[in-house]
Amino acid sequence: MSTKTPVTVITGYLGAGKTTLLNNLLSKPNGKKLAVIVNEYGEIGIDADLVVKSDEEILEMNNGCICCNVRGDLVRIIEKITKEGKSFDHIVIETTGLADPGPIIQSFWVEEILRDKTQLDGFVTVVDSLHFFKHDNSCEAKEQVAFADQIILNKSDLIDDSQMNHLEQTIRSMNPLAKIEKTNNSQIIADILNLGGFDLSKALAIEPDLLESDSHEHQNDISAICLNTVGPIDGKLFNKWIYGFVQANGENLYRCKGILNIDDQPRRFVFQGVHMTLDGRPGAAWDSDELRTNQIVFIGVQLDETEIKEHFLHCHKSENEMTLVTI
């Protein structure tokens, strides 16, 4: 029997529903002990805080993309996992929405630790059914679909039958071999932890120099604006600003997410958005001795960082109570 730990990579463009899929997976692990690695594009870690509390091991990589400068971190984390003697049935990696699958796949064949200790079981891509065609000119979005073993067409309730048929035909033209499942809120039936092994020959057919190339660049006009502050947020001011902001910048705003101290309420306020769509709700309770930090990230093109910072700081209840944390 193989002693290698199987690895499932969950990918998908910004806001597709990867973290929701991961949370659904953690709520029903089917008896498997999981190690979860969360990768973010930005300087502050929010995604790990959005992952449901569980008995699983949650490890975080931020300040970069897994397919670029934090690839070494992935090797070190997996080496740490395997050396600590902890027994995990499966490793799940949630990538940043801007991840190119090619260099990630390459890592499992060219990095000695990954090659010896793990086996890439499958690549799962979550597709945002509502916004896919806004992103289909992105190389990352196309390759995330092309390399997938399992494709999840999420938010299927937000488009009509003709739009879904068009989407399915487009996805099939990009990847005729992957299994496809339509879903809402990333609630899936498929067992994504048992896909049976990643097919390297298929990947090489898509990208023949996959195991030779070390270079990778993101679309250079995409940037992440990250703010980290301390002090209560005025809920009315924030709602007025954020709704106006996404209406004005929706086409250029690929993703926004945050964890906020709204009006000193006992629970965190968690919000997420894709283009002009926003969702916000109470999150986990603040601990009594916890520093209530506001963390907010915007990812997009042609976003005005100075303007965003100015308006966000204006949403704080009092300038005397607000501290901008340097990150």
C-alpha atoms as a PDB file:
ATOM      1  CA  MET A   1       0.000   0.000   0.000  1.00  0.00           C
ATOM      2  CA  SER A   2       1.178   3.541  -0.781  1.00  0.00           C
ATOM      3  CA  THR A   3       2.318   5.618   2.194  1.00  0.00           C
ATOM      4  CA  LYS A   4       1.845   8.842   0.255  1.00  0.00           C
ATOM      5  CA  THR A   5      -0.824  11.238   1.507  1.00  0.00           C
ATOM      6  CA  PRO A   6      -3.394  12.125  -1.170  1.00  0.00           C
ATOM      7  CA  VAL A   7      -3.805  15.817  -1.987  1.00  0.00           C
ATOM      8  CA  THR A   8      -6.846  17.567  -3.411  1.00  0.00           C
ATOM      9  CA  VAL A   9      -6.436  21.081  -4.807  1.00  0.00           C
ATOM     10  CA  ILE A  10      -9.520  23.325  -4.829  1.00  0.00           C
ATOM     11  CA  THR A  11      -9.216  26.181  -7.288  1.00  0.00           C
ATOM     12  CA  GLY A  12     -11.483  28.621  -9.083  1.00  0.00           C
ATOM     13  CA  TYR A  13     -11.510  32.300  -9.955  1.00  0.00           C
ATOM     14  CA  LEU A  14     -12.039  35.060  -7.410  1.00  0.00           C
ATOM     15  CA  GLY A  15     -15.363  34.718  -5.571  1.00  0.00           C
ATOM     16  CA  ALA A  16     -16.437  31.461  -7.201  1.00  0.00           C
ATOM     17  CA  GLY A  17     -17.208  29.760  -3.872  1.00  0.00           C
ATOM     18  CA  LYS A  18     -14.027  27.861  -2.954  1.00  0.00           C
ATOM     19  CA  THR A  19     -14.100  28.682   0.773  1.00  0.00           C
ATOM     20  CA  THR A  20     -17.790  27.761   0.951  1.00  0.00           C
ATOM     21  CA  LEU A  21     -16.987  24.427  -0.714  1.00  0.00           C
ATOM     22  CA  LEU A  22     -14.180  23.878   1.790  1.00  0.00           C
ATOM     23  CA  ASN A  23     -16.504  24.654   4.704  1.00  0.00           C
ATOM     24  CA  ASN A  24     -19.095  22.221   3.360  1.00  0.00           C
ATOM     25  CA  LEU A  25     -16.352  19.608   3.076  1.00  0.00           C
ATOM     26  CA  LEU A  26     -15.149  20.203   6.644  1.00  0.00           C
ATOM     27  CA  SER A  27     -18.671  19.915   8.014  1.00  0.00           C
ATOM     28  CA  LYS A  28     -18.889  16.386   6.554  1.00  0.00           C
ATOM     29  CA  PRO A  29     -15.362  14.931   6.394  1.00  0.00           C
ATOM     30  CA  ASN A  30     -16.739  11.355   6.281  1.00  0.00           C
ATOM     31  CA  GLY A  31     -14.400  10.166   8.968  1.00  0.00           C
ATOM     32  CA  LYS A  32     -11.234  11.445   7.301  1.00  0.00           C
ATOM     33  CA  LYS A  33      -8.636  13.431   9.218  1.00  0.00           C
ATOM     34  CA  LEU A  34      -7.801  16.417   7.035  1.00  0.00           C
ATOM     35  CA  ALA A  35      -4.951  18.911   6.891  1.00  0.00           C
ATOM     36  CA  VAL A  36      -6.145  22.108   5.182  1.00  0.00           C
ATOM     37  CA  ILE A  37      -3.816  24.645   3.547  1.00  0.00           C
ATOM     38  CA  VAL A  38      -5.369  28.008   2.676  1.00  0.00           C
ATOM     39  CA  ASN A  39      -3.526  30.293   0.240  1.00  0.00           C
ATOM     40  CA  GLU A  40      -4.407  33.964  -0.250  1.00  0.00           C
ATOM     41  CA  TYR A  41      -3.512  36.794  -2.598  1.00  0.00           C
ATOM     42  CA  GLY A  42      -2.855  39.748  -0.319  1.00  0.00           C
ATOM     43  CA  GLU A  43      -0.913  40.852   2.698  1.00  0.00           C
ATOM     44  CA  ILE A  44      -3.401  39.944   5.417  1.00  0.00           C
ATOM     45  CA  GLY A  45      -5.051  36.633   6.148  1.00  0.00           C
ATOM     46  CA  ILE A  46      -8.828  36.566   5.951  1.00  0.00           C
ATOM     47  CA  ASP A  47      -9.707  33.266   4.284  1.00  0.00           C
ATOM     48  CA  ALA A  48      -8.463  31.149   7.196  1.00  0.00           C
ATOM     49  CA  ASP A  49     -10.799  33.103   9.490  1.00  0.00           C
ATOM     50  CA  LEU A  50     -13.689  32.380   7.130  1.00  0.00           C
ATOM     51  CA  VAL A  51     -13.067  28.639   7.331  1.00  0.00           C
ATOM     52  CA  VAL A  52     -15.379  26.929   9.817  1.00  0.00           C
ATOM     53  CA  LYS A  53     -13.922  25.940  13.157  1.00  0.00           C
ATOM     54  CA  SER A  54     -13.281  22.223  13.176  1.00  0.00           C
ATOM     55  CA  ASP A  55     -10.955  19.554  14.486  1.00  0.00           C
ATOM     56  CA  GLU A  56      -8.933  19.743  11.294  1.00  0.00           C
ATOM     57  CA  GLU A  57      -5.456  21.259  10.997  1.00  0.00           C
ATOM     58  CA  ILE A  58      -5.749  24.648   9.242  1.00  0.00           C
ATOM     59  CA  LEU A  59      -2.516  26.115   7.852  1.00  0.00           C
ATOM     60  CA  GLU A  60      -2.301  29.471   6.101  1.00  0.00           C
ATOM     61  CA  MET A  61      -0.109  30.937   3.378  1.00  0.00           C
ATOM     62  CA  ASN A  62      -0.611  34.595   2.495  1.00  0.00           C
ATOM     63  CA  ASN A  63       1.354  37.504   1.038  1.00  0.00           C
ATOM     64  CA  GLY A  64       1.602  35.741  -2.281  1.00  0.00           C
ATOM     65  CA  CYS A  65       0.248  33.154  -4.654  1.00  0.00           C
ATOM     66  CA  ILE A  66       0.917  29.445  -4.294  1.00  0.00           C
ATOM     67  CA  CYS A  67       2.067  29.252  -7.911  1.00  0.00           C
ATOM     68  CA  CYS A  68       4.649  32.006  -7.416  1.00  0.00           C
ATOM     69  CA  ASN A  69       6.733  33.181  -4.483  1.00  0.00           C
ATOM     70  CA  VAL A  70       5.103  31.057  -1.750  1.00  0.00           C
ATOM     71  CA  ARG A  71       5.657  27.753  -3.538  1.00  0.00           C
ATOM     72  CA  GLY A  72       8.559  27.132  -1.166  1.00  0.00           C
ATOM     73  CA  ASP A  73       6.159  27.678   1.732  1.00  0.00           C
ATOM     74  CA  LEU A  74       3.977  24.866   0.397  1.00  0.00           C
ATOM     75  CA  VAL A  75       6.966  22.520   0.406  1.00  0.00           C
ATOM     76  CA  ARG A  76       7.925  23.559   3.949  1.00  0.00           C
ATOM     77  CA  ILE A  77       4.364  23.193   5.259  1.00  0.00           C
ATOM     78  CA  ILE A  78       3.950  19.709   3.818  1.00  0.00           C
ATOM     79  CA  GLU A  79       7.402  18.731   5.076  1.00  0.00           C
ATOM     80  CA  LYS A  80       6.373  19.976   8.529  1.00  0.00           C
ATOM     81  CA  ILE A  81       3.118  18.012   8.382  1.00  0.00           C
ATOM     82  CA  THR A  82       4.872  14.781   7.437  1.00  0.00           C
ATOM     83  CA  LYS A  83       7.746  15.197   9.926  1.00  0.00           C
ATOM     84  CA  GLU A  84       5.542  15.922  12.950  1.00  0.00           C
ATOM     85  CA  GLY A  85       4.253  12.391  12.856  1.00  0.00           C
ATOM     86  CA  LYS A  86       0.626  13.505  12.763  1.00  0.00           C
ATOM     87  CA  SER A  87      -1.578  11.111  10.879  1.00  0.00           C
ATOM     88  CA  PHE A  88      -3.659  12.761   8.142  1.00  0.00           C
ATOM     89  CA  ASP A  89      -5.813  10.866   5.680  1.00  0.00           C
ATOM     90  CA  HIS A  90      -5.876  13.709   3.172  1.00  0.00           C
ATOM     91  CA  ILE A  91      -4.445  17.165   2.475  1.00  0.00           C
ATOM     92  CA  VAL A  92      -6.743  19.802   0.974  1.00  0.00           C
ATOM     93  CA  ILE A  93      -5.304  22.958  -0.576  1.00  0.00           C
ATOM     94  CA  GLU A  94      -7.519  25.965  -1.311  1.00  0.00           C
ATOM     95  CA  THR A  95      -5.682  28.231  -3.756  1.00  0.00           C
ATOM     96  CA  THR A  96      -6.007  31.932  -4.343  1.00  0.00           C
ATOM     97  CA  GLY A  97      -8.442  32.787  -7.124  1.00  0.00           C
ATOM     98  CA  LEU A  98      -5.545  34.024  -9.242  1.00  0.00           C
ATOM     99  CA  ALA A  99      -3.614  30.750  -9.124  1.00  0.00           C
ATOM    100  CA  ASP A 100      -2.345  29.227 -12.363  1.00  0.00           C
ATOM    101  CA  PRO A 101      -2.721  25.429 -11.982  1.00  0.00           C
ATOM    102  CA  GLY A 102       0.377  24.650 -14.063  1.00  0.00           C
ATOM    103  CA  PRO A 103       3.113  25.579 -11.546  1.00  0.00           C
ATOM    104  CA  ILE A 104       1.119  23.991  -8.705  1.00  0.00           C
ATOM    105  CA  ILE A 105       0.845  20.699 -10.584  1.00  0.00           C
ATOM    106  CA  GLN A 106       4.509  20.963 -11.517  1.00  0.00           C
ATOM    107  CA  SER A 107       5.441  21.166  -7.832  1.00  0.00           C
ATOM    108  CA  PHE A 108       4.128  17.677  -7.124  1.00  0.00           C
ATOM    109  CA  TRP A 109       6.476  16.168  -9.704  1.00  0.00           C
ATOM    110  CA  VAL A 110       9.625  18.288  -9.390  1.00  0.00           C
ATOM    111  CA  GLU A 111       9.774  19.019  -5.636  1.00  0.00           C
ATOM    112  CA  GLU A 112      11.338  16.028  -3.880  1.00  0.00           C
ATOM    113  CA  ILE A 113       9.335  16.334  -0.641  1.00  0.00           C
ATOM    114  CA  LEU A 114       6.021  16.539  -2.485  1.00  0.00           C
ATOM    115  CA  ARG A 115       6.956  13.759  -4.892  1.00  0.00           C
ATOM    116  CA  ASP A 116       8.001  11.394  -2.098  1.00  0.00           C
ATOM    117  CA  LYS A 117       5.382  12.217   0.535  1.00  0.00           C
ATOM    118  CA  THR A 118       2.208  13.088  -1.391  1.00  0.00           C
ATOM    119  CA  GLN A 119       0.094  11.986  -4.322  1.00  0.00           C
ATOM    120  CA  LEU A 120      -1.988  14.527  -6.241  1.00  0.00           C
ATOM    121  CA  ASP A 121      -5.445  12.942  -6.107  1.00  0.00           C
ATOM    122  CA  GLY A 122      -7.391  15.553  -8.018  1.00  0.00           C
ATOM    123  CA  PHE A 123      -7.880  19.127  -9.143  1.00  0.00           C
ATOM    124  CA  VAL A 124     -11.323  20.575  -8.350  1.00  0.00           C
ATOM    125  CA  THR A 125     -12.353  23.835 -10.018  1.00  0.00           C
ATOM    126  CA  VAL A 126     -15.268  25.928  -8.771  1.00  0.00           C
ATOM    127  CA  VAL A 127     -16.839  28.058 -11.525  1.00  0.00           C
ATOM    128  CA  ASP A 128     -18.897  31.172 -10.802  1.00  0.00           C
ATOM    129  CA  SER A 129     -21.838  30.536 -13.132  1.00  0.00           C
ATOM    130  CA  LEU A 130     -23.063  34.139 -12.904  1.00  0.00           C
ATOM    131  CA  HIS A 131     -19.741  35.875 -13.604  1.00  0.00           C
ATOM    132  CA  PHE A 132     -17.732  33.321 -15.594  1.00  0.00           C
ATOM    133  CA  PHE A 133     -17.948  35.148 -18.908  1.00  0.00           C
ATOM    134  CA  LYS A 134     -16.625  38.325 -17.301  1.00  0.00           C
ATOM    135  CA  HIS A 135     -13.442  36.415 -16.487  1.00  0.00           C
ATOM    136  CA  ASP A 136     -13.138  34.014 -19.427  1.00  0.00           C
ATOM    137  CA  ASN A 137     -10.452  36.183 -21.025  1.00  0.00           C
ATOM    138  CA  SER A 138      -8.232  35.513 -18.024  1.00  0.00           C
ATOM    139  CA  CYS A 139      -5.523  32.914 -18.624  1.00  0.00           C
ATOM    140  CA  GLU A 140      -5.848  31.723 -15.016  1.00  0.00           C
ATOM    141  CA  ALA A 141      -9.636  31.223 -15.292  1.00  0.00           C
ATOM    142  CA  LYS A 142      -9.254  29.234 -18.515  1.00  0.00           C
ATOM    143  CA  GLU A 143      -6.452  27.035 -17.191  1.00  0.00           C
ATOM    144  CA  GLN A 144      -8.279  26.363 -13.925  1.00  0.00           C
ATOM    145  CA  VAL A 145     -11.071  24.846 -16.024  1.00  0.00           C
ATOM    146  CA  ALA A 146      -8.773  23.087 -18.484  1.00  0.00           C
ATOM    147  CA  PHE A 147      -6.746  21.223 -15.830  1.00  0.00           C
ATOM    148  CA  ALA A 148      -9.719  20.202 -13.652  1.00  0.00           C
ATOM    149  CA  ASP A 149     -10.740  16.637 -12.862  1.00  0.00           C
ATOM    150  CA  GLN A 150     -14.005  17.841 -11.279  1.00  0.00           C
ATOM    151  CA  ILE A 151     -15.782  21.085 -12.181  1.00  0.00           C
ATOM    152  CA  ILE A 152     -18.384  22.617  -9.865  1.00  0.00           C
ATOM    153  CA  LEU A 153     -20.753  25.043 -11.617  1.00  0.00           C
ATOM    154  CA  ASN A 154     -21.666  27.087  -8.550  1.00  0.00           C
ATOM    155  CA  LYS A 155     -24.410  29.750  -8.250  1.00  0.00           C
ATOM    156  CA  SER A 156     -26.411  27.868 -10.868  1.00  0.00           C
ATOM    157  CA  ASP A 157     -29.617  29.286  -9.396  1.00  0.00           C
ATOM    158  CA  LEU A 158     -28.593  32.788 -10.516  1.00  0.00           C
ATOM    159  CA  ILE A 159     -28.788  32.077 -14.266  1.00  0.00           C
ATOM    160  CA  ASP A 160     -31.569  30.746 -16.497  1.00  0.00           C
ATOM    161  CA  ASP A 161     -31.605  27.480 -18.467  1.00  0.00           C
ATOM    162  CA  SER A 162     -30.363  28.980 -21.733  1.00  0.00           C
ATOM    163  CA  GLN A 163     -27.460  30.684 -19.945  1.00  0.00           C
ATOM    164  CA  MET A 164     -26.618  27.430 -18.190  1.00  0.00           C
ATOM    165  CA  ASN A 165     -26.658  25.504 -21.477  1.00  0.00           C
ATOM    166  CA  HIS A 166     -24.299  28.063 -22.993  1.00  0.00           C
ATOM    167  CA  LEU A 167     -22.028  27.867 -19.951  1.00  0.00           C
ATOM    168  CA  GLU A 168     -21.941  24.054 -20.025  1.00  0.00           C
ATOM    169  CA  GLN A 169     -21.122  24.002 -23.732  1.00  0.00           C
ATOM    170  CA  THR A 170     -18.313  26.502 -23.166  1.00  0.00           C
ATOM    171  CA  ILE A 171     -16.898  24.528 -20.241  1.00  0.00           C
ATOM    172  CA  ARG A 172     -17.138  21.266 -22.223  1.00  0.00           C
ATOM    173  CA  SER A 173     -15.263  22.841 -25.124  1.00  0.00           C
ATOM    174  CA  MET A 174     -12.464  23.788 -22.706  1.00  0.00           C
ATOM    175  CA  ASN A 175     -12.400  20.446 -20.850  1.00  0.00           C
ATOM    176  CA  PRO A 176     -14.451  17.560 -22.302  1.00  0.00           C
ATOM    177  CA  LEU A 177     -13.098  14.995 -19.800  1.00  0.00           C
ATOM    178  CA  ALA A 178     -13.868  16.536 -16.408  1.00  0.00           C
ATOM    179  CA  LYS A 179     -16.901  15.570 -14.368  1.00  0.00           C
ATOM    180  CA  ILE A 180     -19.352  18.469 -14.043  1.00  0.00           C
ATOM    181  CA  GLU A 181     -21.786  19.137 -11.203  1.00  0.00           C
ATOM    182  CA  LYS A 182     -24.211  22.067 -10.938  1.00  0.00           C
ATOM    183  CA  THR A 183     -24.846  23.455  -7.483  1.00  0.00           C
ATOM    184  CA  ASN A 184     -25.859  26.391  -5.300  1.00  0.00           C
ATOM    185  CA  ASN A 185     -23.809  27.589  -2.323  1.00  0.00           C
ATOM    186  CA  SER A 186     -21.155  24.981  -3.205  1.00  0.00           C
ATOM    187  CA  GLN A 187     -23.350  22.157  -1.860  1.00  0.00           C
ATOM    188  CA  ILE A 188     -22.116  19.146  -3.793  1.00  0.00           C
ATOM    189  CA  ILE A 189     -22.852  15.437  -3.994  1.00  0.00           C
ATOM    190  CA  ALA A 190     -19.557  14.422  -5.606  1.00  0.00           C
ATOM    191  CA  ASP A 191     -16.826  12.921  -3.433  1.00  0.00           C
ATOM    192  CA  ILE A 192     -14.052  15.330  -4.331  1.00  0.00           C
ATOM    193  CA  LEU A 193     -11.590  13.580  -1.992  1.00  0.00           C
ATOM    194  CA  ASN A 194     -11.689  10.372  -3.973  1.00  0.00           C
ATOM    195  CA  LEU A 195     -11.136  11.304  -7.606  1.00  0.00           C
ATOM    196  CA  GLY A 196      -8.638   8.511  -8.095  1.00  0.00           C
ATOM    197  CA  GLY A 197      -5.448  10.327  -9.029  1.00  0.00           C
ATOM    198  CA  PHE A 198      -4.484  13.263 -11.189  1.00  0.00           C
ATOM    199  CA  ASP A 199      -3.837  12.401 -14.847  1.00  0.00           C
ATOM    200  CA  LEU A 200      -0.413  13.860 -15.694  1.00  0.00           C
ATOM    201  CA  SER A 201      -0.651  12.792 -19.343  1.00  0.00           C
ATOM    202  CA  LYS A 202      -3.787  14.906 -19.762  1.00  0.00           C
ATOM    203  CA  ALA A 203      -2.038  17.874 -18.157  1.00  0.00           C
ATOM    204  CA  LEU A 204       0.950  17.479 -20.476  1.00  0.00           C
ATOM    205  CA  ALA A 205      -1.393  17.451 -23.469  1.00  0.00           C
ATOM    206  CA  ILE A 206      -2.669  20.867 -22.349  1.00  0.00           C
ATOM    207  CA  GLU A 207       0.774  22.267 -21.493  1.00  0.00           C
ATOM    208  CA  PRO A 208       3.615  20.141 -22.978  1.00  0.00           C
ATOM    209  CA  ASP A 209       6.385  22.027 -21.139  1.00  0.00           C
ATOM    210  CA  LEU A 210       4.567  21.755 -17.802  1.00  0.00           C
ATOM    211  CA  LEU A 211       7.456  20.019 -16.045  1.00  0.00           C
ATOM    212  CA  GLU A 212      10.108  22.275 -17.560  1.00  0.00           C
ATOM    213  CA  SER A 213       8.873  25.824 -17.130  1.00  0.00           C
ATOM    214  CA  ASP A 214       9.611  27.783 -13.976  1.00  0.00           C
ATOM    215  CA  SER A 215       8.252  31.120 -15.085  1.00  0.00           C
ATOM    216  CA  HIS A 216       4.784  32.415 -14.370  1.00  0.00           C
ATOM    217  CA  GLU A 217       3.334  35.906 -14.318  1.00  0.00           C
ATOM    218  CA  HIS A 218      -0.102  37.090 -13.288  1.00  0.00           C
ATOM    219  CA  GLN A 219      -2.123  39.578 -15.235  1.00  0.00           C
ATOM    220  CA  ASN A 220      -0.031  42.573 -14.184  1.00  0.00           C
ATOM    221  CA  ASP A 221      -2.861  45.061 -13.728  1.00  0.00           C
ATOM    222  CA  ILE A 222      -4.580  43.083 -10.950  1.00  0.00           C
ATOM    223  CA  SER A 223      -3.749  44.309  -7.472  1.00  0.00           C
ATOM    224  CA  ALA A 224      -4.818  43.597  -3.890  1.00  0.00           C
ATOM    225  CA  ILE A 225      -5.548  46.484  -1.534  1.00  0.00           C
ATOM    226  CA  CYS A 226      -5.400  45.368   2.097  1.00  0.00           C
ATOM    227  CA  LEU A 227      -6.387  47.396   5.156  1.00  0.00           C
ATOM    228  CA  ASN A 228      -6.045  46.380   8.789  1.00  0.00           C
ATOM    229  CA  THR A 229      -7.414  48.693  11.489  1.00  0.00           C
ATOM    230  CA  VAL A 230      -8.417  48.673  15.138  1.00  0.00           C
ATOM    231  CA  GLY A 231     -11.559  50.473  16.315  1.00  0.00           C
ATOM    232  CA  PRO A 232     -15.342  50.039  15.929  1.00  0.00           C
ATOM    233  CA  ILE A 233     -16.928  50.620  12.507  1.00  0.00           C
ATOM    234  CA  ASP A 234     -20.129  52.634  12.137  1.00  0.00           C
ATOM    235  CA  GLY A 235     -22.475  50.166  10.451  1.00  0.00           C
ATOM    236  CA  LYS A 236     -24.607  52.796   8.699  1.00  0.00           C
ATOM    237  CA  LEU A 237     -21.601  54.648   7.312  1.00  0.00           C
ATOM    238  CA  PHE A 238     -19.984  51.430   6.145  1.00  0.00           C
ATOM    239  CA  ASN A 239     -23.131  50.137   4.413  1.00  0.00           C
ATOM    240  CA  LYS A 240     -23.642  53.452   2.633  1.00  0.00           C
ATOM    241  CA  TRP A 241     -20.034  53.543   1.460  1.00  0.00           C
ATOM    242  CA  ILE A 242     -19.565  49.899   0.453  1.00  0.00           C
ATOM    243  CA  TYR A 243     -22.772  49.704  -1.595  1.00  0.00           C
ATOM    244  CA  GLY A 244     -21.904  52.933  -3.381  1.00  0.00           C
ATOM    245  CA  PHE A 245     -18.356  51.739  -3.958  1.00  0.00           C
ATOM    246  CA  VAL A 246     -19.311  48.424  -5.570  1.00  0.00           C
ATOM    247  CA  GLN A 247     -21.891  50.119  -7.779  1.00  0.00           C
ATOM    248  CA  ALA A 248     -19.261  52.556  -9.018  1.00  0.00           C
ATOM    249  CA  ASN A 249     -16.434  50.010  -9.335  1.00  0.00           C
ATOM    250  CA  GLY A 250     -18.251  46.716  -9.905  1.00  0.00           C
ATOM    251  CA  GLU A 251     -16.736  45.910 -13.299  1.00  0.00           C
ATOM    252  CA  ASN A 252     -13.205  46.464 -12.003  1.00  0.00           C
ATOM    253  CA  LEU A 253     -13.796  44.956  -8.552  1.00  0.00           C
ATOM    254  CA  TYR A 254     -13.228  41.225  -8.894  1.00  0.00           C
ATOM    255  CA  ARG A 255     -13.406  40.384  -5.194  1.00  0.00           C
ATOM    256  CA  CYS A 256     -13.801  42.013  -1.806  1.00  0.00           C
ATOM    257  CA  LYS A 257     -13.979  40.420   1.617  1.00  0.00           C
ATOM    258  CA  GLY A 258     -13.611  41.457   5.192  1.00  0.00           C
ATOM    259  CA  ILE A 259     -14.067  40.765   8.884  1.00  0.00           C
ATOM    260  CA  LEU A 260     -15.220  43.827  10.799  1.00  0.00           C
ATOM    261  CA  ASN A 261     -16.089  45.087  14.270  1.00  0.00           C
ATOM    262  CA  ILE A 262     -19.434  46.698  13.458  1.00  0.00           C
ATOM    263  CA  ASP A 263     -20.817  48.940  16.244  1.00  0.00           C
ATOM    264  CA  ASP A 264     -18.970  46.913  18.895  1.00  0.00           C
ATOM    265  CA  GLN A 265     -21.410  44.031  18.426  1.00  0.00           C
ATOM    266  CA  PRO A 266     -20.525  40.771  20.233  1.00  0.00           C
ATOM    267  CA  ARG A 267     -20.002  38.933  16.941  1.00  0.00           C
ATOM    268  CA  ARG A 268     -17.756  39.650  13.964  1.00  0.00           C
ATOM    269  CA  PHE A 269     -19.405  40.938  10.808  1.00  0.00           C
ATOM    270  CA  VAL A 270     -18.244  38.970   7.759  1.00  0.00           C
ATOM    271  CA  PHE A 271     -18.833  40.311   4.268  1.00  0.00           C
ATOM    272  CA  GLN A 272     -17.850  39.113   0.811  1.00  0.00           C
ATOM    273  CA  GLY A 273     -18.484  40.415  -2.668  1.00  0.00           C
ATOM    274  CA  VAL A 274     -17.957  39.639  -6.349  1.00  0.00           C
ATOM    275  CA  HIS A 275     -18.325  42.570  -8.743  1.00  0.00           C
ATOM    276  CA  MET A 276     -21.601  44.257  -7.708  1.00  0.00           C
ATOM    277  CA  THR A 277     -22.903  41.370  -5.597  1.00  0.00           C
ATOM    278  CA  LEU A 278     -22.451  41.708  -1.822  1.00  0.00           C
ATOM    279  CA  ASP A 279     -23.242  39.392   1.059  1.00  0.00           C
ATOM    280  CA  GLY A 280     -22.787  40.136   4.754  1.00  0.00           C
ATOM    281  CA  ARG A 281     -23.734  38.331   7.949  1.00  0.00           C
ATOM    282  CA  PRO A 282     -22.692  37.870  11.591  1.00  0.00           C
ATOM    283  CA  GLY A 283     -19.703  35.594  12.106  1.00  0.00           C
ATOM    284  CA  ALA A 284     -18.056  34.029  15.144  1.00  0.00           C
ATOM    285  CA  ALA A 285     -18.230  35.777  18.503  1.00  0.00           C
ATOM    286  CA  TRP A 286     -15.331  37.941  19.633  1.00  0.00           C
ATOM    287  CA  ASP A 287     -13.406  36.606  22.620  1.00  0.00           C
ATOM    288  CA  SER A 288     -13.658  38.837  25.681  1.00  0.00           C
ATOM    289  CA  ASP A 289      -9.925  39.641  25.700  1.00  0.00           C
ATOM    290  CA  GLU A 290      -9.466  39.687  21.914  1.00  0.00           C
ATOM    291  CA  LEU A 291      -8.248  42.743  19.998  1.00  0.00           C
ATOM    292  CA  ARG A 292     -11.097  43.500  17.616  1.00  0.00           C
ATOM    293  CA  THR A 293      -9.267  44.011  14.341  1.00  0.00           C
ATOM    294  CA  ASN A 294     -10.935  45.063  11.106  1.00  0.00           C
ATOM    295  CA  GLN A 295      -9.468  43.318   8.083  1.00  0.00           C
ATOM    296  CA  ILE A 296     -10.586  44.147   4.567  1.00  0.00           C
ATOM    297  CA  VAL A 297      -9.253  43.201   1.114  1.00  0.00           C
ATOM    298  CA  PHE A 298     -10.169  44.462  -2.358  1.00  0.00           C
ATOM    299  CA  ILE A 299      -8.859  42.695  -5.484  1.00  0.00           C
ATOM    300  CA  GLY A 300      -9.347  44.170  -8.915  1.00  0.00           C
ATOM    301  CA  VAL A 301      -7.973  46.507 -11.580  1.00  0.00           C
ATOM    302  CA  GLN A 302      -7.667  50.291 -11.584  1.00  0.00           C
ATOM    303  CA  LEU A 303      -8.740  50.568  -7.946  1.00  0.00           C
ATOM    304  CA  ASP A 304      -7.802  53.786  -6.157  1.00  0.00           C
ATOM    305  CA  GLU A 305      -6.031  52.717  -2.960  1.00  0.00           C
ATOM    306  CA  THR A 306      -5.898  56.237  -1.508  1.00  0.00           C
ATOM    307  CA  GLU A 307      -9.628  56.753  -2.013  1.00  0.00           C
ATOM    308  CA  ILE A 308     -10.499  53.328  -0.570  1.00  0.00           C
ATOM    309  CA  LYS A 309      -8.358  53.920   2.505  1.00  0.00           C
ATOM    310  CA  GLU A 310      -9.805  57.402   3.063  1.00  0.00           C
ATOM    311  CA  HIS A 311     -13.435  56.257   2.835  1.00  0.00           C
ATOM    312  CA  PHE A 312     -12.887  53.133   4.937  1.00  0.00           C
ATOM    313  CA  LEU A 313     -11.216  55.114   7.717  1.00  0.00           C
ATOM    314  CA  HIS A 314     -14.111  57.587   7.597  1.00  0.00           C
ATOM    315  CA  CYS A 315     -16.435  54.683   8.502  1.00  0.00           C
ATOM    316  CA  HIS A 316     -14.809  54.341  11.937  1.00  0.00           C
ATOM    317  CA  LYS A 317     -16.932  55.634  14.780  1.00  0.00           C
ATOM    318  CA  SER A 318     -14.266  57.942  16.117  1.00  0.00           C
ATOM    319  CA  GLU A 319     -10.862  59.017  14.869  1.00  0.00           C
ATOM    320  CA  ASN A 320      -9.684  58.808  18.478  1.00  0.00           C
ATOM    321  CA  GLU A 321     -10.686  55.141  18.611  1.00  0.00           C
ATOM    322  CA  MET A 322      -9.242  54.210  15.203  1.00  0.00           C
ATOM    323  CA  THR A 323      -5.750  52.937  14.560  1.00  0.00           C
ATOM    324  CA  LEU A 324      -4.414  52.108  11.091  1.00  0.00           C
ATOM    325  CA  VAL A 325      -2.154  49.101  11.442  1.00  0.00           C
ATOM    326  CA  THR A 326       0.844  49.039   9.137  1.00  0.00           C
ATOM    327  CA  ILE A 327       1.126  45.753   7.230  1.00  0.00           C
END
